[in-house]
């Protein structure tokens, strides 16, 4: 639980705009397609954390989700905690940060779709697995505590 608290604190610090962000290397074979839909004034990012056997994490890097589509590589068979953060700001409401995380252990030979949406102050993050035949199935969000 201590690692979870540290992770949450780290994500909040990152979302607040603190320095220390590094770019996710994204050098593994591309197996996750990220589709992003955000309205004007919303900044979305994907933070990738490696997860070990004790459910502790190690931050690997961040990718801005500033394009409608992005393909990333997450090593198969190795658990990762993926955190999508949304940063909003407006003159009247000030700034706000929200994040959604899920544990993912990609399977070899499978693809994944991560749909990221923020429209009219409502956010949604959905993850689907695609098998070798192209069939898709929705994956429920898995908290880090469920590691």
C-alpha atoms as a PDB file:
ATOM      1  CA  UNK A   1       0.000   0.000   0.000  1.00  0.00           C
ATOM      2  CA  UNK A   2       2.951   2.293   0.652  1.00  0.00           C
ATOM      3  CA  UNK A   3       3.973   1.982  -3.013  1.00  0.00           C
ATOM      4  CA  UNK A   4       0.427   2.856  -4.086  1.00  0.00           C
ATOM      5  CA  UNK A   5       0.455   6.001  -1.942  1.00  0.00           C
ATOM      6  CA  UNK A   6       3.820   7.011  -3.399  1.00  0.00           C
ATOM      7  CA  UNK A   7       2.531   6.391  -6.916  1.00  0.00           C
ATOM      8  CA  UNK A   8      -0.550   8.524  -6.342  1.00  0.00           C
ATOM      9  CA  UNK A   9       1.580  11.311  -4.867  1.00  0.00           C
ATOM     10  CA  UNK A  10       3.954  11.084  -7.823  1.00  0.00           C
ATOM     11  CA  UNK A  11       1.152  11.235 -10.371  1.00  0.00           C
ATOM     12  CA  UNK A  12      -0.393  14.230  -8.645  1.00  0.00           C
ATOM     13  CA  UNK A  13       2.967  16.005  -8.630  1.00  0.00           C
ATOM     14  CA  UNK A  14       3.416  15.245 -12.311  1.00  0.00           C
ATOM     15  CA  UNK A  15      -0.071  16.434 -13.128  1.00  0.00           C
ATOM     16  CA  UNK A  16       0.612  19.653 -11.247  1.00  0.00           C
ATOM     17  CA  UNK A  17       3.342  20.446 -13.728  1.00  0.00           C
ATOM     18  CA  UNK A  18       6.390  19.670 -11.623  1.00  0.00           C
ATOM     19  CA  UNK A  19       9.605  18.871 -13.426  1.00  0.00           C
ATOM     20  CA  UNK A  20      11.042  15.394 -13.536  1.00  0.00           C
ATOM     21  CA  UNK A  21       9.054  14.069 -16.490  1.00  0.00           C
ATOM     22  CA  UNK A  22      11.025  11.940 -18.845  1.00  0.00           C
ATOM     23  CA  UNK A  23       9.920  10.623 -22.199  1.00  0.00           C
ATOM     24  CA  UNK A  24       8.856   6.976 -22.269  1.00  0.00           C
ATOM     25  CA  UNK A  25      11.434   5.192 -24.482  1.00  0.00           C
ATOM     26  CA  UNK A  26       8.714   3.458 -26.557  1.00  0.00           C
ATOM     27  CA  UNK A  27      11.222   1.062 -28.112  1.00  0.00           C
ATOM     28  CA  UNK A  28       9.350  -2.246 -27.587  1.00  0.00           C
ATOM     29  CA  UNK A  29       7.310  -3.679 -30.490  1.00  0.00           C
ATOM     30  CA  UNK A  30       4.186  -1.553 -30.889  1.00  0.00           C
ATOM     31  CA  UNK A  31       1.248  -3.399 -29.348  1.00  0.00           C
ATOM     32  CA  UNK A  32      -0.903  -0.628 -27.827  1.00  0.00           C
ATOM     33  CA  UNK A  33      -2.831   1.799 -30.016  1.00  0.00           C
ATOM     34  CA  UNK A  34      -3.922   4.929 -28.144  1.00  0.00           C
ATOM     35  CA  UNK A  35      -6.859   6.915 -29.584  1.00  0.00           C
ATOM     36  CA  UNK A  36      -7.283  10.307 -27.927  1.00  0.00           C
ATOM     37  CA  UNK A  37     -10.233  12.693 -28.102  1.00  0.00           C
ATOM     38  CA  UNK A  38     -10.014  15.794 -25.949  1.00  0.00           C
ATOM     39  CA  UNK A  39     -11.616  19.165 -26.130  1.00  0.00           C
ATOM     40  CA  UNK A  40      -9.719  22.415 -26.297  1.00  0.00           C
ATOM     41  CA  UNK A  41      -7.916  23.323 -23.076  1.00  0.00           C
ATOM     42  CA  UNK A  42      -7.408  19.713 -21.968  1.00  0.00           C
ATOM     43  CA  UNK A  43      -3.925  18.207 -21.892  1.00  0.00           C
ATOM     44  CA  UNK A  44      -3.734  14.402 -21.656  1.00  0.00           C
ATOM     45  CA  UNK A  45      -0.621  12.315 -20.938  1.00  0.00           C
ATOM     46  CA  UNK A  46       0.200   8.644 -20.509  1.00  0.00           C
ATOM     47  CA  UNK A  47       2.576   7.731 -17.671  1.00  0.00           C
ATOM     48  CA  UNK A  48       4.100   4.242 -17.788  1.00  0.00           C
ATOM     49  CA  UNK A  49       5.337   2.463 -14.657  1.00  0.00           C
ATOM     50  CA  UNK A  50       7.044  -0.922 -14.484  1.00  0.00           C
ATOM     51  CA  UNK A  51       5.590  -3.207 -11.768  1.00  0.00           C
ATOM     52  CA  UNK A  52       7.648  -5.837  -9.936  1.00  0.00           C
ATOM     53  CA  UNK A  53       6.591  -8.936  -7.972  1.00  0.00           C
ATOM     54  CA  UNK A  54       6.004  -6.962  -4.762  1.00  0.00           C
ATOM     55  CA  UNK A  55       3.638  -4.577  -6.596  1.00  0.00           C
ATOM     56  CA  UNK A  56       6.076  -1.700  -6.326  1.00  0.00           C
ATOM     57  CA  UNK A  57       6.508   0.536  -9.321  1.00  0.00           C
ATOM     58  CA  UNK A  58       9.323   2.212 -11.180  1.00  0.00           C
ATOM     59  CA  UNK A  59       8.483   5.187 -13.365  1.00  0.00           C
ATOM     60  CA  UNK A  60       9.584   4.596 -16.966  1.00  0.00           C
ATOM     61  CA  UNK A  61       8.358   7.738 -18.655  1.00  0.00           C
ATOM     62  CA  UNK A  62       5.536   9.819 -20.053  1.00  0.00           C
ATOM     63  CA  UNK A  63       4.089  10.386 -23.501  1.00  0.00           C
ATOM     64  CA  UNK A  64       1.908  13.385 -24.323  1.00  0.00           C
ATOM     65  CA  UNK A  65      -1.407  12.378 -25.866  1.00  0.00           C
ATOM     66  CA  UNK A  66      -1.556  15.462 -28.058  1.00  0.00           C
ATOM     67  CA  UNK A  67      -2.353  13.641 -31.305  1.00  0.00           C
ATOM     68  CA  UNK A  68      -5.502  11.673 -32.191  1.00  0.00           C
ATOM     69  CA  UNK A  69      -3.518   8.432 -32.505  1.00  0.00           C
ATOM     70  CA  UNK A  70      -0.321   7.030 -31.052  1.00  0.00           C
ATOM     71  CA  UNK A  71       1.179   3.532 -31.132  1.00  0.00           C
ATOM     72  CA  UNK A  72       3.310   2.491 -28.192  1.00  0.00           C
ATOM     73  CA  UNK A  73       5.238  -0.606 -27.206  1.00  0.00           C
ATOM     74  CA  UNK A  74       4.649  -2.228 -23.841  1.00  0.00           C
ATOM     75  CA  UNK A  75       6.756  -5.380 -23.306  1.00  0.00           C
ATOM     76  CA  UNK A  76       4.651  -8.559 -23.430  1.00  0.00           C
ATOM     77  CA  UNK A  77       4.496 -10.643 -20.268  1.00  0.00           C
ATOM     78  CA  UNK A  78       5.703  -7.776 -18.069  1.00  0.00           C
ATOM     79  CA  UNK A  79       3.193  -5.895 -15.914  1.00  0.00           C
ATOM     80  CA  UNK A  80       2.903  -2.157 -16.336  1.00  0.00           C
ATOM     81  CA  UNK A  81       0.786   0.387 -14.527  1.00  0.00           C
ATOM     82  CA  UNK A  82      -0.577   2.805 -17.122  1.00  0.00           C
ATOM     83  CA  UNK A  83      -1.817   6.144 -15.810  1.00  0.00           C
ATOM     84  CA  UNK A  84      -3.692   8.603 -18.016  1.00  0.00           C
ATOM     85  CA  UNK A  85      -3.729  12.123 -16.621  1.00  0.00           C
ATOM     86  CA  UNK A  86      -5.962  14.973 -17.726  1.00  0.00           C
ATOM     87  CA  UNK A  87      -4.948  18.539 -16.972  1.00  0.00           C
ATOM     88  CA  UNK A  88      -7.512  21.255 -17.552  1.00  0.00           C
ATOM     89  CA  UNK A  89      -7.415  24.981 -17.067  1.00  0.00           C
ATOM     90  CA  UNK A  90      -9.802  27.827 -17.635  1.00  0.00           C
ATOM     91  CA  UNK A  91      -9.974  31.450 -16.637  1.00  0.00           C
ATOM     92  CA  UNK A  92     -13.069  31.011 -14.455  1.00  0.00           C
ATOM     93  CA  UNK A  93     -12.456  27.548 -12.982  1.00  0.00           C
ATOM     94  CA  UNK A  94      -8.686  27.598 -12.588  1.00  0.00           C
ATOM     95  CA  UNK A  95      -6.750  24.382 -13.151  1.00  0.00           C
ATOM     96  CA  UNK A  96      -7.638  20.798 -12.311  1.00  0.00           C
ATOM     97  CA  UNK A  97      -5.948  17.414 -12.677  1.00  0.00           C
ATOM     98  CA  UNK A  98      -7.547  13.987 -12.856  1.00  0.00           C
ATOM     99  CA  UNK A  99      -5.871  10.648 -13.421  1.00  0.00           C
ATOM    100  CA  UNK A 100      -6.986   7.106 -14.161  1.00  0.00           C
ATOM    101  CA  UNK A 101      -4.714   4.079 -13.811  1.00  0.00           C
ATOM    102  CA  UNK A 102      -4.887   0.440 -14.755  1.00  0.00           C
ATOM    103  CA  UNK A 103      -2.592  -2.534 -14.450  1.00  0.00           C
ATOM    104  CA  UNK A 104      -1.826  -4.259 -17.760  1.00  0.00           C
ATOM    105  CA  UNK A 105       0.253  -7.326 -18.518  1.00  0.00           C
ATOM    106  CA  UNK A 106       0.223  -7.567 -22.327  1.00  0.00           C
ATOM    107  CA  UNK A 107       0.064 -11.048 -23.807  1.00  0.00           C
ATOM    108  CA  UNK A 108       2.421 -12.006 -26.626  1.00  0.00           C
ATOM    109  CA  UNK A 109       0.715 -11.872 -30.009  1.00  0.00           C
ATOM    110  CA  UNK A 110      -2.153  -9.704 -28.790  1.00  0.00           C
ATOM    111  CA  UNK A 111      -2.838  -6.047 -29.474  1.00  0.00           C
ATOM    112  CA  UNK A 112      -4.457  -3.457 -27.238  1.00  0.00           C
ATOM    113  CA  UNK A 113      -6.534  -0.339 -27.785  1.00  0.00           C
ATOM    114  CA  UNK A 114      -6.558   2.434 -25.213  1.00  0.00           C
ATOM    115  CA  UNK A 115      -9.393   4.903 -25.833  1.00  0.00           C
ATOM    116  CA  UNK A 116      -8.868   8.211 -24.012  1.00  0.00           C
ATOM    117  CA  UNK A 117     -11.680  10.785 -24.033  1.00  0.00           C
ATOM    118  CA  UNK A 118     -12.362  14.060 -22.250  1.00  0.00           C
ATOM    119  CA  UNK A 119     -15.430  15.924 -23.457  1.00  0.00           C
ATOM    120  CA  UNK A 120     -17.659  18.417 -21.579  1.00  0.00           C
ATOM    121  CA  UNK A 121     -15.925  17.794 -18.230  1.00  0.00           C
ATOM    122  CA  UNK A 122     -16.460  14.022 -18.492  1.00  0.00           C
ATOM    123  CA  UNK A 123     -13.521  11.679 -18.933  1.00  0.00           C
ATOM    124  CA  UNK A 124     -13.405   8.054 -20.015  1.00  0.00           C
ATOM    125  CA  UNK A 125     -10.518   5.642 -20.385  1.00  0.00           C
ATOM    126  CA  UNK A 126     -11.281   2.236 -21.917  1.00  0.00           C
ATOM    127  CA  UNK A 127      -8.901  -0.619 -22.641  1.00  0.00           C
ATOM    128  CA  UNK A 128      -9.571  -3.435 -25.114  1.00  0.00           C
ATOM    129  CA  UNK A 129      -7.575  -6.544 -25.968  1.00  0.00           C
ATOM    130  CA  UNK A 130      -7.459  -7.746 -29.579  1.00  0.00           C
ATOM    131  CA  UNK A 131      -6.753 -11.427 -30.219  1.00  0.00           C
ATOM    132  CA  UNK A 132      -5.008 -12.936 -33.226  1.00  0.00           C
ATOM    133  CA  UNK A 133      -8.330 -13.213 -35.116  1.00  0.00           C
ATOM    134  CA  UNK A 134      -9.182  -9.563 -34.547  1.00  0.00           C
ATOM    135  CA  UNK A 135     -11.838 -10.167 -31.900  1.00  0.00           C
ATOM    136  CA  UNK A 136     -11.956  -7.418 -29.267  1.00  0.00           C
ATOM    137  CA  UNK A 137     -12.856  -7.689 -25.616  1.00  0.00           C
ATOM    138  CA  UNK A 138     -13.179  -4.937 -23.052  1.00  0.00           C
ATOM    139  CA  UNK A 139     -10.730  -5.139 -20.143  1.00  0.00           C
ATOM    140  CA  UNK A 140     -11.861  -3.883 -16.756  1.00  0.00           C
ATOM    141  CA  UNK A 141      -9.598  -1.410 -15.017  1.00  0.00           C
ATOM    142  CA  UNK A 142      -7.308  -3.135 -12.562  1.00  0.00           C
ATOM    143  CA  UNK A 143      -5.988  -1.140  -9.611  1.00  0.00           C
ATOM    144  CA  UNK A 144      -2.369  -1.446  -8.648  1.00  0.00           C
ATOM    145  CA  UNK A 145      -3.503  -2.951  -5.341  1.00  0.00           C
ATOM    146  CA  UNK A 146      -4.835  -5.894  -7.373  1.00  0.00           C
ATOM    147  CA  UNK A 147      -1.345  -6.766  -8.545  1.00  0.00           C
END
